[in-house]
C-alpha cells in the first residue's frame, strides 16, 4: 500500500518557540526548516510512501521542500494545525485517487525510512490509527484508510483525543525515530542521540559553535 503523507509546517518565524532555552529567535527558523527538510527527505525515501504533501504558508519553506520533491499546498484556512491538515487531506484527495493518507509531524529530524515503513504497514490494518510521541502524550502520525476522514486533533494531549475519537493506537517497538519529535532542548538532544539527518546536524553544529 502506497501512502500520501501530509506534513504541516507553520511559518518558520513562528516555529519552535519552546526551543527558546536552546536557540534564540535568530536561530530557531533555520532549525525548524532543517527539521522539516530531514523529515521530508526521509519520508520520500520510505518504500511505503507515494508522495509527500507539505501544507505551509511559508514561502521559503515551500521552495526548499519542493526542491526535495514534496508537493506544496498553501495553508489556505489559516486556522491552525488541524485546519491545515484537514484542508490538505481534502486537497490531496481532490487530485489523487482516494488512497490512504497520513499526517506526519514536520519535526522528526532523526526519521528513518524503514521505521516509518513499519508504522505505515501496521496502520494499513485499521480505518484510522495513530502513533504517540516519545513523551506518550502527543501524536507524531495519524493515518486514515481510503475513504476515511483524517479527523486530526493534534496539539497538547492529542494522544488521548485521537484515542477517544476512535483511532487505534499503534503499539510498536523499535520505531523511536518516528516518535521523537522536537519541541524542547531535551527533545533535540534525544534526537541527536538517535542520529539526525544532515541538515539538522549542520544546523545544530552551527548552534553549538555560536554558543562557544
C-alpha atoms as a PDB file:
ATOM      1  CA  UNK A   1       0.000   0.000   0.000  1.00  0.00           C
ATOM      2  CA  UNK A   2       1.373   3.373  -1.024  1.00  0.00           C
ATOM      3  CA  UNK A   3       0.659   6.338   1.234  1.00  0.00           C
ATOM      4  CA  UNK A   4       0.349  10.050   0.755  1.00  0.00           C
ATOM      5  CA  UNK A   5       1.874  11.846   3.731  1.00  0.00           C
ATOM      6  CA  UNK A   6       0.643  15.292   4.696  1.00  0.00           C
ATOM      7  CA  UNK A   7       3.232  17.310   6.611  1.00  0.00           C
ATOM      8  CA  UNK A   8       2.105  20.597   8.194  1.00  0.00           C
ATOM      9  CA  UNK A   9       4.592  23.394   8.752  1.00  0.00           C
ATOM     10  CA  UNK A  10       3.801  26.735  10.329  1.00  0.00           C
ATOM     11  CA  UNK A  11       5.617  29.919   9.251  1.00  0.00           C
ATOM     12  CA  UNK A  12       9.263  29.481  10.176  1.00  0.00           C
ATOM     13  CA  UNK A  13       9.369  32.737  12.141  1.00  0.00           C
ATOM     14  CA  UNK A  14       6.707  31.309  14.475  1.00  0.00           C
ATOM     15  CA  UNK A  15       8.078  27.791  14.743  1.00  0.00           C
ATOM     16  CA  UNK A  16       9.694  26.070  17.696  1.00  0.00           C
ATOM     17  CA  UNK A  17       9.082  28.730  20.336  1.00  0.00           C
ATOM     18  CA  UNK A  18       9.638  26.127  23.073  1.00  0.00           C
ATOM     19  CA  UNK A  19      13.258  25.823  21.941  1.00  0.00           C
ATOM     20  CA  UNK A  20      13.905  29.296  23.310  1.00  0.00           C
ATOM     21  CA  UNK A  21      16.041  27.815  26.091  1.00  0.00           C
ATOM     22  CA  UNK A  22      18.340  26.280  23.473  1.00  0.00           C
ATOM     23  CA  UNK A  23      18.171  28.545  20.415  1.00  0.00           C
ATOM     24  CA  UNK A  24      17.409  32.257  20.118  1.00  0.00           C
ATOM     25  CA  UNK A  25      14.956  33.949  17.761  1.00  0.00           C
ATOM     26  CA  UNK A  26      17.538  34.297  15.003  1.00  0.00           C
ATOM     27  CA  UNK A  27      18.372  30.583  15.011  1.00  0.00           C
ATOM     28  CA  UNK A  28      15.035  28.828  15.501  1.00  0.00           C
ATOM     29  CA  UNK A  29      13.634  29.411  11.982  1.00  0.00           C
ATOM     30  CA  UNK A  30      16.692  27.737  10.473  1.00  0.00           C
ATOM     31  CA  UNK A  31      16.380  24.811  12.861  1.00  0.00           C
ATOM     32  CA  UNK A  32      12.688  24.399  12.064  1.00  0.00           C
ATOM     33  CA  UNK A  33      13.463  24.340   8.345  1.00  0.00           C
ATOM     34  CA  UNK A  34      16.273  21.818   8.846  1.00  0.00           C
ATOM     35  CA  UNK A  35      13.965  19.552  10.864  1.00  0.00           C
ATOM     36  CA  UNK A  36      11.366  19.703   8.099  1.00  0.00           C
ATOM     37  CA  UNK A  37      13.902  19.079   5.341  1.00  0.00           C
ATOM     38  CA  UNK A  38      15.288  15.982   7.058  1.00  0.00           C
ATOM     39  CA  UNK A  39      11.770  14.733   7.836  1.00  0.00           C
ATOM     40  CA  UNK A  40      10.588  15.163   4.252  1.00  0.00           C
ATOM     41  CA  UNK A  41      13.754  13.657   2.755  1.00  0.00           C
ATOM     42  CA  UNK A  42      13.441  10.558   4.946  1.00  0.00           C
ATOM     43  CA  UNK A  43       9.724  10.230   4.202  1.00  0.00           C
ATOM     44  CA  UNK A  44      10.342  10.437   0.457  1.00  0.00           C
ATOM     45  CA  UNK A  45      12.919   7.648   0.797  1.00  0.00           C
ATOM     46  CA  UNK A  46      10.377   5.344   2.502  1.00  0.00           C
ATOM     47  CA  UNK A  47       9.195   2.440   0.355  1.00  0.00           C
ATOM     48  CA  UNK A  48       5.615   2.791   1.627  1.00  0.00           C
ATOM     49  CA  UNK A  49       5.305   6.452   0.626  1.00  0.00           C
ATOM     50  CA  UNK A  50       3.983   7.509  -2.763  1.00  0.00           C
ATOM     51  CA  UNK A  51       4.255  11.236  -2.182  1.00  0.00           C
ATOM     52  CA  UNK A  52       4.710  13.873   0.489  1.00  0.00           C
ATOM     53  CA  UNK A  53       2.489  16.937   0.566  1.00  0.00           C
ATOM     54  CA  UNK A  54       3.627  19.845   2.726  1.00  0.00           C
ATOM     55  CA  UNK A  55       0.970  22.309   3.811  1.00  0.00           C
ATOM     56  CA  UNK A  56       2.530  25.651   4.634  1.00  0.00           C
ATOM     57  CA  UNK A  57       2.142  29.368   4.146  1.00  0.00           C
ATOM     58  CA  UNK A  58       5.880  29.987   4.398  1.00  0.00           C
ATOM     59  CA  UNK A  59       7.371  30.824   1.002  1.00  0.00           C
ATOM     60  CA  UNK A  60      10.959  29.875   1.862  1.00  0.00           C
ATOM     61  CA  UNK A  61       9.967  26.538   3.365  1.00  0.00           C
ATOM     62  CA  UNK A  62       7.752  25.844   0.392  1.00  0.00           C
ATOM     63  CA  UNK A  63      10.603  26.430  -2.060  1.00  0.00           C
ATOM     64  CA  UNK A  64      13.129  24.383  -0.102  1.00  0.00           C
ATOM     65  CA  UNK A  65      10.811  21.422   0.460  1.00  0.00           C
ATOM     66  CA  UNK A  66       9.563  21.461  -3.125  1.00  0.00           C
ATOM     67  CA  UNK A  67      13.206  21.206  -4.195  1.00  0.00           C
ATOM     68  CA  UNK A  68      13.385  17.916  -2.295  1.00  0.00           C
ATOM     69  CA  UNK A  69      10.404  16.545  -4.203  1.00  0.00           C
ATOM     70  CA  UNK A  70       7.476  17.433  -1.942  1.00  0.00           C
ATOM     71  CA  UNK A  71       4.235  18.856  -3.280  1.00  0.00           C
ATOM     72  CA  UNK A  72       3.256  22.133  -1.626  1.00  0.00           C
ATOM     73  CA  UNK A  73      -0.295  23.050  -0.601  1.00  0.00           C
ATOM     74  CA  UNK A  74      -0.861  26.539   0.736  1.00  0.00           C
ATOM     75  CA  UNK A  75      -2.262  26.924   4.237  1.00  0.00           C
ATOM     76  CA  UNK A  76      -5.468  28.476   2.958  1.00  0.00           C
ATOM     77  CA  UNK A  77      -7.692  28.123   6.028  1.00  0.00           C
ATOM     78  CA  UNK A  78      -5.165  29.886   8.263  1.00  0.00           C
ATOM     79  CA  UNK A  79      -6.936  28.305  11.202  1.00  0.00           C
ATOM     80  CA  UNK A  80      -4.092  26.427  12.825  1.00  0.00           C
ATOM     81  CA  UNK A  81      -2.583  22.978  12.594  1.00  0.00           C
ATOM     82  CA  UNK A  82      -5.705  20.817  12.475  1.00  0.00           C
ATOM     83  CA  UNK A  83      -7.489  23.049   9.979  1.00  0.00           C
ATOM     84  CA  UNK A  84      -4.391  22.947   7.772  1.00  0.00           C
ATOM     85  CA  UNK A  85      -4.240  19.159   7.916  1.00  0.00           C
ATOM     86  CA  UNK A  86      -7.924  18.714   7.176  1.00  0.00           C
ATOM     87  CA  UNK A  87      -7.659  21.158   4.261  1.00  0.00           C
ATOM     88  CA  UNK A  88      -4.614  19.393   2.837  1.00  0.00           C
ATOM     89  CA  UNK A  89      -6.189  15.935   3.140  1.00  0.00           C
ATOM     90  CA  UNK A  90      -9.218  17.135   1.177  1.00  0.00           C
ATOM     91  CA  UNK A  91      -6.985  18.814  -1.395  1.00  0.00           C
ATOM     92  CA  UNK A  92      -4.895  15.663  -1.824  1.00  0.00           C
ATOM     93  CA  UNK A  93      -7.929  13.504  -2.448  1.00  0.00           C
ATOM     94  CA  UNK A  94      -9.296  16.025  -4.919  1.00  0.00           C
ATOM     95  CA  UNK A  95      -6.378  15.482  -7.292  1.00  0.00           C
ATOM     96  CA  UNK A  96      -5.449  11.924  -6.322  1.00  0.00           C
ATOM     97  CA  UNK A  97      -7.438   8.730  -6.011  1.00  0.00           C
ATOM     98  CA  UNK A  98      -8.879   8.024  -2.581  1.00  0.00           C
ATOM     99  CA  UNK A  99      -5.806   6.245  -1.291  1.00  0.00           C
ATOM    100  CA  UNK A 100      -4.555   6.107   2.288  1.00  0.00           C
ATOM    101  CA  UNK A 101      -3.413   9.375   3.834  1.00  0.00           C
ATOM    102  CA  UNK A 102      -1.330  10.005   6.943  1.00  0.00           C
ATOM    103  CA  UNK A 103      -0.448  13.221   8.735  1.00  0.00           C
ATOM    104  CA  UNK A 104       3.176  13.312   9.857  1.00  0.00           C
ATOM    105  CA  UNK A 105       4.878  15.862  12.081  1.00  0.00           C
ATOM    106  CA  UNK A 106       7.459  18.089  10.413  1.00  0.00           C
ATOM    107  CA  UNK A 107       9.867  17.939  13.363  1.00  0.00           C
ATOM    108  CA  UNK A 108      11.203  14.385  13.153  1.00  0.00           C
ATOM    109  CA  UNK A 109      14.842  15.058  12.200  1.00  0.00           C
ATOM    110  CA  UNK A 110      16.002  11.540  13.152  1.00  0.00           C
ATOM    111  CA  UNK A 111      13.338   9.852  10.995  1.00  0.00           C
ATOM    112  CA  UNK A 112      14.379   6.507   9.478  1.00  0.00           C
ATOM    113  CA  UNK A 113      12.599   5.378   6.282  1.00  0.00           C
ATOM    114  CA  UNK A 114      12.496   1.729   7.376  1.00  0.00           C
ATOM    115  CA  UNK A 115      10.915   2.595  10.728  1.00  0.00           C
ATOM    116  CA  UNK A 116       8.334   4.794   9.037  1.00  0.00           C
ATOM    117  CA  UNK A 117       7.514   1.904   6.686  1.00  0.00           C
ATOM    118  CA  UNK A 118       6.864  -0.379   9.664  1.00  0.00           C
ATOM    119  CA  UNK A 119       4.473   2.147  11.158  1.00  0.00           C
ATOM    120  CA  UNK A 120       2.590   2.657   7.895  1.00  0.00           C
ATOM    121  CA  UNK A 121       2.382  -1.088   7.229  1.00  0.00           C
ATOM    122  CA  UNK A 122       0.791  -1.581  10.637  1.00  0.00           C
ATOM    123  CA  UNK A 123      -1.515   1.409  10.200  1.00  0.00           C
ATOM    124  CA  UNK A 124      -2.867  -0.114   6.981  1.00  0.00           C
ATOM    125  CA  UNK A 125      -4.760  -2.675   9.060  1.00  0.00           C
ATOM    126  CA  UNK A 126      -7.079  -0.034  10.572  1.00  0.00           C
ATOM    127  CA  UNK A 127      -9.530   2.605   9.328  1.00  0.00           C
ATOM    128  CA  UNK A 128      -7.756   5.235  11.422  1.00  0.00           C
ATOM    129  CA  UNK A 129      -4.641   4.835  13.538  1.00  0.00           C
ATOM    130  CA  UNK A 130      -2.016   6.922  15.282  1.00  0.00           C
ATOM    131  CA  UNK A 131       1.435   6.747  16.809  1.00  0.00           C
ATOM    132  CA  UNK A 132       2.132   8.565  20.046  1.00  0.00           C
ATOM    133  CA  UNK A 133       5.207  10.709  20.534  1.00  0.00           C
ATOM    134  CA  UNK A 134       8.199   9.793  22.687  1.00  0.00           C
ATOM    135  CA  UNK A 135       6.604  11.504  25.687  1.00  0.00           C
ATOM    136  CA  UNK A 136       3.453   9.363  25.257  1.00  0.00           C
ATOM    137  CA  UNK A 137       1.300  12.497  25.382  1.00  0.00           C
ATOM    138  CA  UNK A 138       1.156  13.789  21.827  1.00  0.00           C
ATOM    139  CA  UNK A 139       0.944  12.299  18.349  1.00  0.00           C
ATOM    140  CA  UNK A 140       3.510  12.142  15.567  1.00  0.00           C
ATOM    141  CA  UNK A 141       1.488  10.260  12.929  1.00  0.00           C
ATOM    142  CA  UNK A 142      -2.229   9.900  12.242  1.00  0.00           C
ATOM    143  CA  UNK A 143      -3.471   7.709   9.409  1.00  0.00           C
ATOM    144  CA  UNK A 144      -6.721   7.286   7.509  1.00  0.00           C
ATOM    145  CA  UNK A 145      -7.568   4.423   5.170  1.00  0.00           C
ATOM    146  CA  UNK A 146      -9.071   5.081   1.750  1.00  0.00           C
ATOM    147  CA  UNK A 147     -12.418   6.881   2.021  1.00  0.00           C
ATOM    148  CA  UNK A 148     -11.907   7.562   5.745  1.00  0.00           C
ATOM    149  CA  UNK A 149     -11.750  11.103   7.125  1.00  0.00           C
ATOM    150  CA  UNK A 150      -8.445  12.011   8.719  1.00  0.00           C
ATOM    151  CA  UNK A 151     -10.154  13.950  11.563  1.00  0.00           C
ATOM    152  CA  UNK A 152      -6.961  15.376  13.075  1.00  0.00           C
ATOM    153  CA  UNK A 153      -6.827  16.601  16.658  1.00  0.00           C
ATOM    154  CA  UNK A 154      -3.147  17.422  17.089  1.00  0.00           C
ATOM    155  CA  UNK A 155      -1.834  19.636  19.866  1.00  0.00           C
ATOM    156  CA  UNK A 156      -1.167  19.155  23.592  1.00  0.00           C
ATOM    157  CA  UNK A 157      -2.764  15.932  24.829  1.00  0.00           C
ATOM    158  CA  UNK A 158      -3.550  14.676  21.321  1.00  0.00           C
ATOM    159  CA  UNK A 159      -2.811  11.038  22.163  1.00  0.00           C
ATOM    160  CA  UNK A 160      -5.856  10.874  24.431  1.00  0.00           C
ATOM    161  CA  UNK A 161      -8.053  12.764  21.968  1.00  0.00           C
ATOM    162  CA  UNK A 162      -7.166  10.622  18.977  1.00  0.00           C
ATOM    163  CA  UNK A 163      -7.847   7.506  21.006  1.00  0.00           C
ATOM    164  CA  UNK A 164     -11.161   8.920  22.281  1.00  0.00           C
ATOM    165  CA  UNK A 165     -12.177   9.832  18.712  1.00  0.00           C
ATOM    166  CA  UNK A 166     -11.804   6.240  17.543  1.00  0.00           C
ATOM    167  CA  UNK A 167      -8.280   5.983  16.126  1.00  0.00           C
ATOM    168  CA  UNK A 168      -6.349   2.850  17.065  1.00  0.00           C
ATOM    169  CA  UNK A 169      -3.085   3.444  18.878  1.00  0.00           C
ATOM    170  CA  UNK A 170      -0.190   1.669  17.187  1.00  0.00           C
ATOM    171  CA  UNK A 171       1.969  -0.204  19.692  1.00  0.00           C
ATOM    172  CA  UNK A 172       5.288  -0.917  18.014  1.00  0.00           C
ATOM    173  CA  UNK A 173       8.813  -1.361  19.298  1.00  0.00           C
ATOM    174  CA  UNK A 174      11.947  -0.033  17.594  1.00  0.00           C
ATOM    175  CA  UNK A 175      10.305   2.916  15.843  1.00  0.00           C
ATOM    176  CA  UNK A 176      11.883   5.569  18.056  1.00  0.00           C
ATOM    177  CA  UNK A 177      12.763   7.801  15.125  1.00  0.00           C
ATOM    178  CA  UNK A 178       9.084   8.142  14.204  1.00  0.00           C
ATOM    179  CA  UNK A 179       8.200   9.074  17.778  1.00  0.00           C
ATOM    180  CA  UNK A 180      10.969  11.578  18.500  1.00  0.00           C
ATOM    181  CA  UNK A 181       9.593  14.980  17.618  1.00  0.00           C
ATOM    182  CA  UNK A 182      11.467  18.082  18.748  1.00  0.00           C
ATOM    183  CA  UNK A 183       9.782  20.774  20.816  1.00  0.00           C
ATOM    184  CA  UNK A 184      12.312  21.376  23.593  1.00  0.00           C
ATOM    185  CA  UNK A 185      16.041  21.313  24.131  1.00  0.00           C
ATOM    186  CA  UNK A 186      15.753  17.886  25.749  1.00  0.00           C
ATOM    187  CA  UNK A 187      13.881  16.621  22.685  1.00  0.00           C
ATOM    188  CA  UNK A 188      16.638  17.924  20.441  1.00  0.00           C
ATOM    189  CA  UNK A 189      19.284  16.176  22.492  1.00  0.00           C
ATOM    190  CA  UNK A 190      17.275  12.925  22.309  1.00  0.00           C
ATOM    191  CA  UNK A 191      17.001  13.248  18.535  1.00  0.00           C
ATOM    192  CA  UNK A 192      20.726  13.905  18.250  1.00  0.00           C
ATOM    193  CA  UNK A 193      21.384  10.753  20.262  1.00  0.00           C
ATOM    194  CA  UNK A 194      19.305   8.749  17.757  1.00  0.00           C
ATOM    195  CA  UNK A 195      21.175  10.336  14.855  1.00  0.00           C
ATOM    196  CA  UNK A 196      19.657  13.185  12.888  1.00  0.00           C
ATOM    197  CA  UNK A 197      19.656  13.962   9.185  1.00  0.00           C
ATOM    198  CA  UNK A 198      22.380  16.043   7.531  1.00  0.00           C
ATOM    199  CA  UNK A 199      20.586  19.388   7.558  1.00  0.00           C
ATOM    200  CA  UNK A 200      19.746  19.191  11.247  1.00  0.00           C
ATOM    201  CA  UNK A 201      23.277  18.032  12.003  1.00  0.00           C
ATOM    202  CA  UNK A 202      24.680  21.071  10.186  1.00  0.00           C
ATOM    203  CA  UNK A 203      22.233  23.498  11.807  1.00  0.00           C
ATOM    204  CA  UNK A 204      22.944  22.083  15.243  1.00  0.00           C
ATOM    205  CA  UNK A 205      26.679  22.294  14.664  1.00  0.00           C
ATOM    206  CA  UNK A 206      26.308  25.994  13.857  1.00  0.00           C
ATOM    207  CA  UNK A 207      24.241  26.421  17.019  1.00  0.00           C
ATOM    208  CA  UNK A 208      26.941  24.796  19.148  1.00  0.00           C
ATOM    209  CA  UNK A 209      29.618  26.996  17.556  1.00  0.00           C
ATOM    210  CA  UNK A 210      27.537  30.102  18.278  1.00  0.00           C
ATOM    211  CA  UNK A 211      27.266  29.091  21.947  1.00  0.00           C
ATOM    212  CA  UNK A 212      31.036  28.812  22.380  1.00  0.00           C
END
